[in-house]
C-alpha atoms as a PDB file:
ATOM      1  CA  MET A   1     -33.691  51.845  -7.993  1.00  0.00           C
ATOM      2  CA  ALA A   2     -34.079  48.219  -9.538  1.00  0.00           C
ATOM      3  CA  ASN A   3     -31.315  45.110  -9.132  1.00  0.00           C
ATOM      4  CA  THR A   4     -28.876  44.990 -12.245  1.00  0.00           C
ATOM      5  CA  TYR A   5     -29.904  41.425 -11.778  1.00  0.00           C
ATOM      6  CA  PHE A   6     -32.156  38.455 -10.271  1.00  0.00           C
ATOM      7  CA  GLN A   7     -30.387  35.204  -9.214  1.00  0.00           C
ATOM      8  CA  PHE A   8     -32.469  31.873  -9.189  1.00  0.00           C
ATOM      9  CA  LYS A   9     -32.023  28.572  -8.200  1.00  0.00           C
ATOM     10  CA  GLN A  10     -29.357  27.185 -11.351  1.00  0.00           C
ATOM     11  CA  PHE A  11     -29.820  30.243 -13.352  1.00  0.00           C
ATOM     12  CA  LYS A  12     -28.598  34.940 -12.857  1.00  0.00           C
ATOM     13  CA  ILE A  13     -31.039  37.363 -14.965  1.00  0.00           C
ATOM     14  CA  ASP A  14     -28.654  40.768 -15.107  1.00  0.00           C
ATOM     15  CA  GLN A  15     -31.019  43.718 -16.531  1.00  0.00           C
ATOM     16  CA  ALA A  16     -28.940  46.680 -16.187  1.00  0.00           C
ATOM     17  CA  HIS A  17     -29.700  47.422 -19.637  1.00  0.00           C
ATOM     18  CA  CYS A  18     -33.279  46.257 -20.393  1.00  0.00           C
ATOM     19  CA  ALA A  19     -36.439  48.528 -20.085  1.00  0.00           C
ATOM     20  CA  MET A  20     -38.717  46.057 -18.322  1.00  0.00           C
ATOM     21  CA  LYS A  21     -37.187  44.072 -15.701  1.00  0.00           C
ATOM     22  CA  VAL A  22     -37.608  40.611 -13.451  1.00  0.00           C
ATOM     23  CA  THR A  23     -41.797  40.936 -12.978  1.00  0.00           C
ATOM     24  CA  THR A  24     -43.300  37.999 -10.344  1.00  0.00           C
ATOM     25  CA  ASP A  25     -46.987  37.918 -12.500  1.00  0.00           C
ATOM     26  CA  ALA A  26     -43.810  36.958 -16.225  1.00  0.00           C
ATOM     27  CA  CYS A  27     -42.225  34.182 -14.159  1.00  0.00           C
ATOM     28  CA  LEU A  28     -45.664  32.942 -13.004  1.00  0.00           C
ATOM     29  CA  PHE A  29     -45.786  32.064 -16.449  1.00  0.00           C
ATOM     30  CA  GLY A  30     -42.866  30.918 -16.848  1.00  0.00           C
ATOM     31  CA  GLY A  31     -42.712  28.131 -14.474  1.00  0.00           C
ATOM     32  CA  TRP A  32     -46.521  27.711 -16.178  1.00  0.00           C
ATOM     33  CA  VAL A  33     -45.648  27.100 -19.497  1.00  0.00           C
ATOM     34  CA  ALA A  34     -42.892  24.982 -18.331  1.00  0.00           C
ATOM     35  CA  ASP A  35     -45.052  22.797 -16.869  1.00  0.00           C
ATOM     36  CA  ILE A  36     -47.512  22.505 -19.755  1.00  0.00           C
ATOM     37  CA  LEU A  37     -44.166  21.509 -21.782  1.00  0.00           C
ATOM     38  CA  SER A  38     -43.985  19.111 -19.685  1.00  0.00           C
ATOM     39  CA  LYS A  39     -46.876  17.257 -19.713  1.00  0.00           C
ATOM     40  CA  ILE A  40     -45.843  16.895 -24.368  1.00  0.00           C
ATOM     41  CA  ASN A  41     -44.504  14.156 -25.267  1.00  0.00           C
ATOM     42  CA  THR A  42     -41.632  14.852 -27.982  1.00  0.00           C
ATOM     43  CA  SER A  43     -40.442  11.127 -28.626  1.00  0.00           C
ATOM     44  CA  ASP A  44     -40.873  12.172 -32.096  1.00  0.00           C
ATOM     45  CA  ARG A  45     -39.007  15.278 -32.190  1.00  0.00           C
ATOM     46  CA  LEU A  46     -37.137  17.867 -30.775  1.00  0.00           C
ATOM     47  CA  LEU A  47     -39.412  20.280 -29.299  1.00  0.00           C
ATOM     48  CA  LYS A  48     -38.309  24.148 -31.323  1.00  0.00           C
ATOM     49  CA  ILE A  49     -39.217  26.342 -29.219  1.00  0.00           C
ATOM     50  CA  LEU A  50     -39.998  30.315 -30.163  1.00  0.00           C
ATOM     51  CA  ASP A  51     -39.940  33.204 -27.619  1.00  0.00           C
ATOM     52  CA  ILE A  52     -41.487  36.105 -28.987  1.00  0.00           C
ATOM     53  CA  GLY A  53     -39.603  40.006 -26.996  1.00  0.00           C
ATOM     54  CA  THR A  54     -37.340  38.462 -24.852  1.00  0.00           C
ATOM     55  CA  GLY A  55     -35.907  40.798 -23.366  1.00  0.00           C
ATOM     56  CA  THR A  56     -34.448  39.473 -20.412  1.00  0.00           C
ATOM     57  CA  GLY A  57     -34.415  35.912 -21.706  1.00  0.00           C
ATOM     58  CA  LEU A  58     -35.740  35.161 -18.603  1.00  0.00           C
ATOM     59  CA  LEU A  59     -38.818  32.763 -20.395  1.00  0.00           C
ATOM     60  CA  SER A  60     -36.246  31.693 -22.695  1.00  0.00           C
ATOM     61  CA  LEU A  61     -34.123  30.064 -19.435  1.00  0.00           C
ATOM     62  CA  MET A  62     -36.627  29.580 -17.299  1.00  0.00           C
ATOM     63  CA  LEU A  63     -38.021  26.280 -20.574  1.00  0.00           C
ATOM     64  CA  ALA A  64     -34.266  25.628 -20.784  1.00  0.00           C
ATOM     65  CA  GLN A  65     -33.598  24.990 -17.203  1.00  0.00           C
ATOM     66  CA  LYS A  66     -37.347  22.274 -17.562  1.00  0.00           C
ATOM     67  CA  GLU A  67     -36.337  20.869 -20.895  1.00  0.00           C
ATOM     68  CA  SER A  68     -33.535  19.014 -21.300  1.00  0.00           C
ATOM     69  CA  THR A  69     -33.758  18.501 -24.960  1.00  0.00           C
ATOM     70  CA  ALA A  70     -35.612  22.109 -26.756  1.00  0.00           C
ATOM     71  CA  GLN A  71     -33.695  23.851 -28.680  1.00  0.00           C
ATOM     72  CA  ILE A  72     -35.180  27.531 -27.289  1.00  0.00           C
ATOM     73  CA  ASP A  73     -35.147  31.058 -30.268  1.00  0.00           C
ATOM     74  CA  ALA A  74     -35.230  34.293 -28.452  1.00  0.00           C
ATOM     75  CA  VAL A  75     -36.612  37.596 -30.477  1.00  0.00           C
ATOM     76  CA  GLU A  76     -35.489  41.272 -29.378  1.00  0.00           C
ATOM     77  CA  ILE A  77     -36.362  44.492 -30.602  1.00  0.00           C
ATOM     78  CA  ASP A  78     -33.897  46.377 -29.123  1.00  0.00           C
ATOM     79  CA  THR A  79     -30.219  45.725 -29.013  1.00  0.00           C
ATOM     80  CA  GLU A  80     -29.198  47.355 -25.202  1.00  0.00           C
ATOM     81  CA  THR A  81     -31.696  44.348 -25.224  1.00  0.00           C
ATOM     82  CA  ALA A  82     -31.601  41.135 -27.287  1.00  0.00           C
ATOM     83  CA  LYS A  83     -27.246  42.368 -25.812  1.00  0.00           C
ATOM     84  CA  GLN A  84     -27.953  41.939 -22.705  1.00  0.00           C
ATOM     85  CA  ALA A  85     -29.962  38.642 -22.545  1.00  0.00           C
ATOM     86  CA  THR A  86     -26.934  36.963 -25.438  1.00  0.00           C
ATOM     87  CA  ILE A  87     -24.898  36.944 -21.711  1.00  0.00           C
ATOM     88  CA  ASN A  88     -27.628  35.328 -19.578  1.00  0.00           C
ATOM     89  CA  PHE A  89     -28.259  32.677 -21.779  1.00  0.00           C
ATOM     90  CA  GLU A  90     -23.906  32.467 -22.689  1.00  0.00           C
ATOM     91  CA  ASN A  91     -23.548  33.182 -18.958  1.00  0.00           C
ATOM     92  CA  SER A  92     -26.351  29.718 -18.758  1.00  0.00           C
ATOM     93  CA  ILE A  93     -25.260  26.137 -17.910  1.00  0.00           C
ATOM     94  CA  TRP A  94     -27.625  26.237 -20.808  1.00  0.00           C
ATOM     95  CA  LYS A  95     -26.193  28.451 -23.678  1.00  0.00           C
ATOM     96  CA  ASP A  96     -26.001  25.117 -26.669  1.00  0.00           C
ATOM     97  CA  ARG A  97     -29.460  25.972 -26.778  1.00  0.00           C
ATOM     98  CA  LEU A  98     -30.230  29.260 -26.645  1.00  0.00           C
ATOM     99  CA  ARG A  99     -30.423  32.111 -29.262  1.00  0.00           C
ATOM    100  CA  VAL A 100     -30.950  35.152 -29.270  1.00  0.00           C
ATOM    101  CA  PHE A 101     -31.748  37.155 -32.810  1.00  0.00           C
ATOM    102  CA  THR A 102     -31.863  41.269 -32.981  1.00  0.00           C
ATOM    103  CA  ALA A 103     -35.295  41.542 -34.463  1.00  0.00           C
ATOM    104  CA  ASP A 104     -38.538  43.045 -35.857  1.00  0.00           C
ATOM    105  CA  ILE A 105     -41.082  39.940 -35.941  1.00  0.00           C
ATOM    106  CA  ARG A 106     -42.827  40.989 -38.531  1.00  0.00           C
ATOM    107  CA  ASP A 107     -39.878  40.812 -40.792  1.00  0.00           C
ATOM    108  CA  TYR A 108     -38.583  37.992 -38.521  1.00  0.00           C
ATOM    109  CA  SER A 109     -41.973  35.738 -39.198  1.00  0.00           C
ATOM    110  CA  LEU A 110     -41.419  36.997 -43.148  1.00  0.00           C
ATOM    111  CA  GLU A 111     -37.637  35.510 -43.048  1.00  0.00           C
ATOM    112  CA  ASN A 112     -37.211  33.114 -40.939  1.00  0.00           C
ATOM    113  CA  LYS A 113     -38.618  29.625 -42.660  1.00  0.00           C
ATOM    114  CA  GLN A 114     -38.949  27.155 -39.809  1.00  0.00           C
ATOM    115  CA  CYS A 115     -41.666  25.970 -37.841  1.00  0.00           C
ATOM    116  CA  TYR A 116     -41.463  26.384 -33.921  1.00  0.00           C
ATOM    117  CA  ASP A 117     -43.205  23.407 -32.259  1.00  0.00           C
ATOM    118  CA  PHE A 118     -44.456  25.618 -29.435  1.00  0.00           C
ATOM    119  CA  ILE A 119     -44.083  29.889 -29.329  1.00  0.00           C
ATOM    120  CA  ILE A 120     -44.182  31.690 -26.215  1.00  0.00           C
ATOM    121  CA  SER A 121     -44.936  35.689 -25.956  1.00  0.00           C
ATOM    122  CA  ASN A 122     -45.394  38.687 -23.031  1.00  0.00           C
ATOM    123  CA  PRO A 123     -45.632  40.698 -24.729  1.00  0.00           C
ATOM    124  CA  PRO A 124     -45.293  44.843 -25.086  1.00  0.00           C
ATOM    125  CA  PHE A 125     -49.430  45.799 -23.337  1.00  0.00           C
ATOM    126  CA  PHE A 126     -50.349  47.900 -22.176  1.00  0.00           C
ATOM    127  CA  ASP A 127     -51.865  49.327 -24.932  1.00  0.00           C
ATOM    128  CA  ASN A 128     -53.589  53.300 -23.994  1.00  0.00           C
ATOM    129  CA  ASP A 129     -52.438  53.420 -20.797  1.00  0.00           C
ATOM    130  CA  LEU A 130     -50.184  56.236 -19.362  1.00  0.00           C
ATOM    131  CA  LYS A 131     -46.255  55.810 -20.932  1.00  0.00           C
ATOM    132  CA  SER A 132     -43.799  57.099 -19.813  1.00  0.00           C
ATOM    133  CA  ASP A 133     -41.150  59.248 -20.078  1.00  0.00           C
ATOM    134  CA  SER A 134     -38.300  57.026 -21.724  1.00  0.00           C
ATOM    135  CA  GLY A 135     -39.110  56.115 -24.669  1.00  0.00           C
ATOM    136  CA  LYS A 136     -36.822  52.596 -24.418  1.00  0.00           C
ATOM    137  CA  ARG A 137     -40.178  51.648 -22.228  1.00  0.00           C
ATOM    138  CA  ASN A 138     -42.457  52.598 -23.899  1.00  0.00           C
ATOM    139  CA  LEU A 139     -41.721  50.072 -26.701  1.00  0.00           C
ATOM    140  CA  ALA A 140     -40.998  47.551 -24.463  1.00  0.00           C
ATOM    141  CA  MET A 141     -44.433  47.790 -22.708  1.00  0.00           C
ATOM    142  CA  HIS A 142     -46.261  49.755 -25.455  1.00  0.00           C
ATOM    143  CA  SER A 143     -48.767  47.957 -28.279  1.00  0.00           C
ATOM    144  CA  GLU A 144     -47.248  51.037 -30.901  1.00  0.00           C
ATOM    145  CA  ALA A 145     -44.300  49.036 -31.850  1.00  0.00           C
ATOM    146  CA  LEU A 146     -46.280  45.353 -32.429  1.00  0.00           C
ATOM    147  CA  GLY A 147     -49.806  45.507 -32.602  1.00  0.00           C
ATOM    148  CA  LEU A 148     -51.698  41.871 -30.966  1.00  0.00           C
ATOM    149  CA  ASP A 149     -52.499  42.582 -34.066  1.00  0.00           C
ATOM    150  CA  ASP A 150     -48.835  41.226 -36.222  1.00  0.00           C
ATOM    151  CA  LEU A 151     -47.901  39.526 -33.300  1.00  0.00           C
ATOM    152  CA  LEU A 152     -50.927  37.155 -33.786  1.00  0.00           C
ATOM    153  CA  ALA A 153     -50.093  37.049 -37.523  1.00  0.00           C
ATOM    154  CA  SER A 154     -46.160  35.922 -37.295  1.00  0.00           C
ATOM    155  CA  ILE A 155     -47.535  33.081 -35.077  1.00  0.00           C
ATOM    156  CA  LYS A 156     -49.491  31.222 -37.696  1.00  0.00           C
ATOM    157  CA  ARG A 157     -46.849  31.795 -40.094  1.00  0.00           C
ATOM    158  CA  LEU A 158     -44.655  30.705 -37.969  1.00  0.00           C
ATOM    159  CA  LEU A 159     -45.810  28.285 -35.184  1.00  0.00           C
ATOM    160  CA  HIS A 160     -45.944  24.330 -36.151  1.00  0.00           C
ATOM    161  CA  ALA A 161     -49.290  23.242 -37.805  1.00  0.00           C
ATOM    162  CA  ASP A 162     -50.044  21.267 -34.656  1.00  0.00           C
ATOM    163  CA  GLY A 163     -48.015  23.717 -32.125  1.00  0.00           C
ATOM    164  CA  GLN A 164     -49.824  25.577 -29.295  1.00  0.00           C
ATOM    165  CA  PHE A 165     -48.644  28.880 -27.953  1.00  0.00           C
ATOM    166  CA  ALA A 166     -48.483  31.083 -24.968  1.00  0.00           C
ATOM    167  CA  ILE A 167     -49.435  34.615 -24.165  1.00  0.00           C
ATOM    168  CA  LEU A 168     -49.381  36.450 -21.343  1.00  0.00           C
ATOM    169  CA  LEU A 169     -52.259  39.913 -20.852  1.00  0.00           C
ATOM    170  CA  PRO A 170     -53.458  42.552 -18.509  1.00  0.00           C
ATOM    171  CA  TYR A 171     -57.215  40.205 -17.678  1.00  0.00           C
ATOM    172  CA  HIS A 172     -59.001  43.549 -19.602  1.00  0.00           C
ATOM    173  CA  ARG A 173     -57.344  41.971 -22.720  1.00  0.00           C
ATOM    174  CA  SER A 174     -58.714  38.746 -22.637  1.00  0.00           C
ATOM    175  CA  VAL A 175     -62.022  38.757 -24.928  1.00  0.00           C
ATOM    176  CA  SER A 176     -61.171  40.947 -27.762  1.00  0.00           C
ATOM    177  CA  PHE A 177     -58.017  38.999 -28.246  1.00  0.00           C
ATOM    178  CA  GLU A 178     -59.611  35.611 -27.711  1.00  0.00           C
ATOM    179  CA  LEU A 179     -62.280  36.761 -30.491  1.00  0.00           C
ATOM    180  CA  MET A 180     -58.915  38.207 -32.794  1.00  0.00           C
ATOM    181  CA  SER A 181     -56.560  34.520 -31.761  1.00  0.00           C
ATOM    182  CA  GLU A 182     -60.442  32.064 -32.935  1.00  0.00           C
ATOM    183  CA  ALA A 183     -59.933  35.006 -36.495  1.00  0.00           C
ATOM    184  CA  ASN A 184     -56.887  33.299 -36.926  1.00  0.00           C
ATOM    185  CA  GLY A 185     -58.245  30.138 -36.073  1.00  0.00           C
ATOM    186  CA  PHE A 186     -56.329  30.055 -32.951  1.00  0.00           C
ATOM    187  CA  TYR A 187     -59.429  28.212 -30.130  1.00  0.00           C
ATOM    188  CA  PRO A 188     -58.526  29.037 -26.220  1.00  0.00           C
ATOM    189  CA  THR A 189     -57.272  26.112 -25.185  1.00  0.00           C
ATOM    190  CA  GLU A 190     -57.038  26.606 -21.021  1.00  0.00           C
ATOM    191  CA  LYS A 191     -56.964  30.430 -19.427  1.00  0.00           C
ATOM    192  CA  VAL A 192     -55.802  30.856 -15.257  1.00  0.00           C
ATOM    193  CA  LEU A 193     -56.923  34.220 -14.556  1.00  0.00           C
ATOM    194  CA  VAL A 194     -54.227  35.236 -12.014  1.00  0.00           C
ATOM    195  CA  LYS A 195     -54.683  37.301  -8.422  1.00  0.00           C
ATOM    196  CA  GLN A 196     -52.458  39.689  -6.360  1.00  0.00           C
ATOM    197  CA  THR A 197     -54.078  37.711  -2.950  1.00  0.00           C
ATOM    198  CA  PRO A 198     -57.153  36.572  -2.752  1.00  0.00           C
ATOM    199  CA  LYS A 199     -59.218  40.241  -2.059  1.00  0.00           C
ATOM    200  CA  HIS A 200     -57.721  41.592  -5.368  1.00  0.00           C
ATOM    201  CA  ASN A 201     -59.662  40.999  -8.814  1.00  0.00           C
ATOM    202  CA  PRO A 202     -57.442  39.369 -12.169  1.00  0.00           C
ATOM    203  CA  PHE A 203     -54.922  41.388 -13.612  1.00  0.00           C
ATOM    204  CA  ARG A 204     -53.495  38.743 -15.599  1.00  0.00           C
ATOM    205  CA  VAL A 205     -54.283  35.821 -17.127  1.00  0.00           C
ATOM    206  CA  MET A 206     -52.395  33.164 -18.822  1.00  0.00           C
ATOM    207  CA  LEU A 207     -53.528  31.761 -22.608  1.00  0.00           C
ATOM    208  CA  LEU A 208     -52.917  28.715 -24.127  1.00  0.00           C
ATOM    209  CA  PHE A 209     -53.649  28.366 -27.932  1.00  0.00           C
ATOM    210  CA  GLY A 210     -54.129  25.310 -30.276  1.00  0.00           C
ATOM    211  CA  ASN A 211     -55.384  25.108 -33.324  1.00  0.00           C
ATOM    212  CA  GLU A 212     -58.510  23.145 -31.922  1.00  0.00           C
ATOM    213  CA  ASN A 213     -61.568  23.324 -30.914  1.00  0.00           C
ATOM    214  CA  LYS A 214     -62.994  22.875 -27.917  1.00  0.00           C
ATOM    215  CA  ILE A 215     -64.070  22.734 -24.138  1.00  0.00           C
ATOM    216  CA  ILE A 216     -61.041  25.417 -22.385  1.00  0.00           C
ATOM    217  CA  ILE A 217     -60.220  24.781 -19.042  1.00  0.00           C
ATOM    218  CA  GLU A 218     -60.120  27.708 -16.917  1.00  0.00           C
ATOM    219  CA  LYS A 219     -58.093  28.039 -13.124  1.00  0.00           C
ATOM    220  CA  GLU A 220     -57.481  31.193 -11.188  1.00  0.00           C
ATOM    221  CA  ILE A 221     -53.732  31.312  -9.285  1.00  0.00           C
ATOM    222  CA  THR A 222     -53.156  33.175  -6.493  1.00  0.00           C
ATOM    223  CA  ILE A 223     -49.985  34.959  -5.941  1.00  0.00           C
ATOM    224  CA  LYS A 224     -49.935  35.750  -2.143  1.00  0.00           C
ATOM    225  CA  ASP A 225     -51.971  35.435   0.605  1.00  0.00           C
ATOM    226  CA  GLY A 226     -50.990  37.652   3.380  1.00  0.00           C
ATOM    227  CA  ASN A 227     -47.158  38.227   2.918  1.00  0.00           C
ATOM    228  CA  ILE A 228     -46.717  33.877   1.488  1.00  0.00           C
ATOM    229  CA  TYR A 229     -46.645  32.805  -1.258  1.00  0.00           C
ATOM    230  CA  THR A 230     -50.038  30.586  -2.452  1.00  0.00           C
ATOM    231  CA  ASP A 231     -49.582  26.806  -2.670  1.00  0.00           C
ATOM    232  CA  GLY A 232     -50.374  27.200  -6.440  1.00  0.00           C
ATOM    233  CA  PHE A 233     -47.458  29.574  -6.801  1.00  0.00           C
ATOM    234  CA  CYS A 234     -44.624  27.843  -4.212  1.00  0.00           C
ATOM    235  CA  ASN A 235     -45.957  24.796  -7.122  1.00  0.00           C
ATOM    236  CA  LEU A 236     -45.115  26.642 -10.272  1.00  0.00           C
ATOM    237  CA  LEU A 237     -41.497  28.400  -8.840  1.00  0.00           C
ATOM    238  CA  LYS A 238     -39.726  26.749  -6.498  1.00  0.00           C
ATOM    239  CA  ASP A 239     -37.991  24.477  -9.430  1.00  0.00           C
ATOM    240  CA  TYR A 240     -37.120  28.377  -9.714  1.00  0.00           C
ATOM    241  CA  TYR A 241     -36.826  30.642  -6.166  1.00  0.00           C
ATOM    242  CA  LEU A 242     -34.189  30.698  -4.241  1.00  0.00           C
ATOM    243  CA  TYR A 243     -36.261  30.730  -0.946  1.00  0.00           C
ATOM    244  CA  LEU A 244     -38.642  28.679  -1.809  1.00  0.00           C
END
């Protein structure tokens, strides 16, 4: 049975009412995005961030910890999950900078007139893979509720003209998503292949997109070598994980 909570150094994630629990790859993605944002100059305006499909609120809380002035909106379609994310936000010291909207991102993108500087998403991605018996878990994990083409269309409506977005995907969906993104005027600027161990093939990819077609930076990160977290993993998660 999965734990009902996950304790980080500066915040706690309660997840009893969420179909998707905290995962290692999602934590890695949050740490990677936080590192990217730390290098962006936002002195001319407050950084406005949107988290699409926030789930427990994990990514939003990770970014709130690192970006002291960022205003973060989180959109979640499932009512119970959105309530859980709201509780996690309210129990954090950054609650004044975090908001949850219970909505389908397609509707939200059409109704919301503001633009964001940065958008993050760990979307439902097990399209065509084996589904579970849980309708709620399928909603969280499968793309029948939100296709990647719908996601891109929503991002295009909501992203500032010079903004960027980051996404976590299964490795085997990377190429098709990059082509789809380019058709929408977005180009990959950074790509990180994620491996469980040195012996494994990549199973996830973390992608950063912008509106400039330039040389992409490609990297690789391994989570563990044997039973030990790698230096690359620790560098991104040391400010979050209790025992790093």
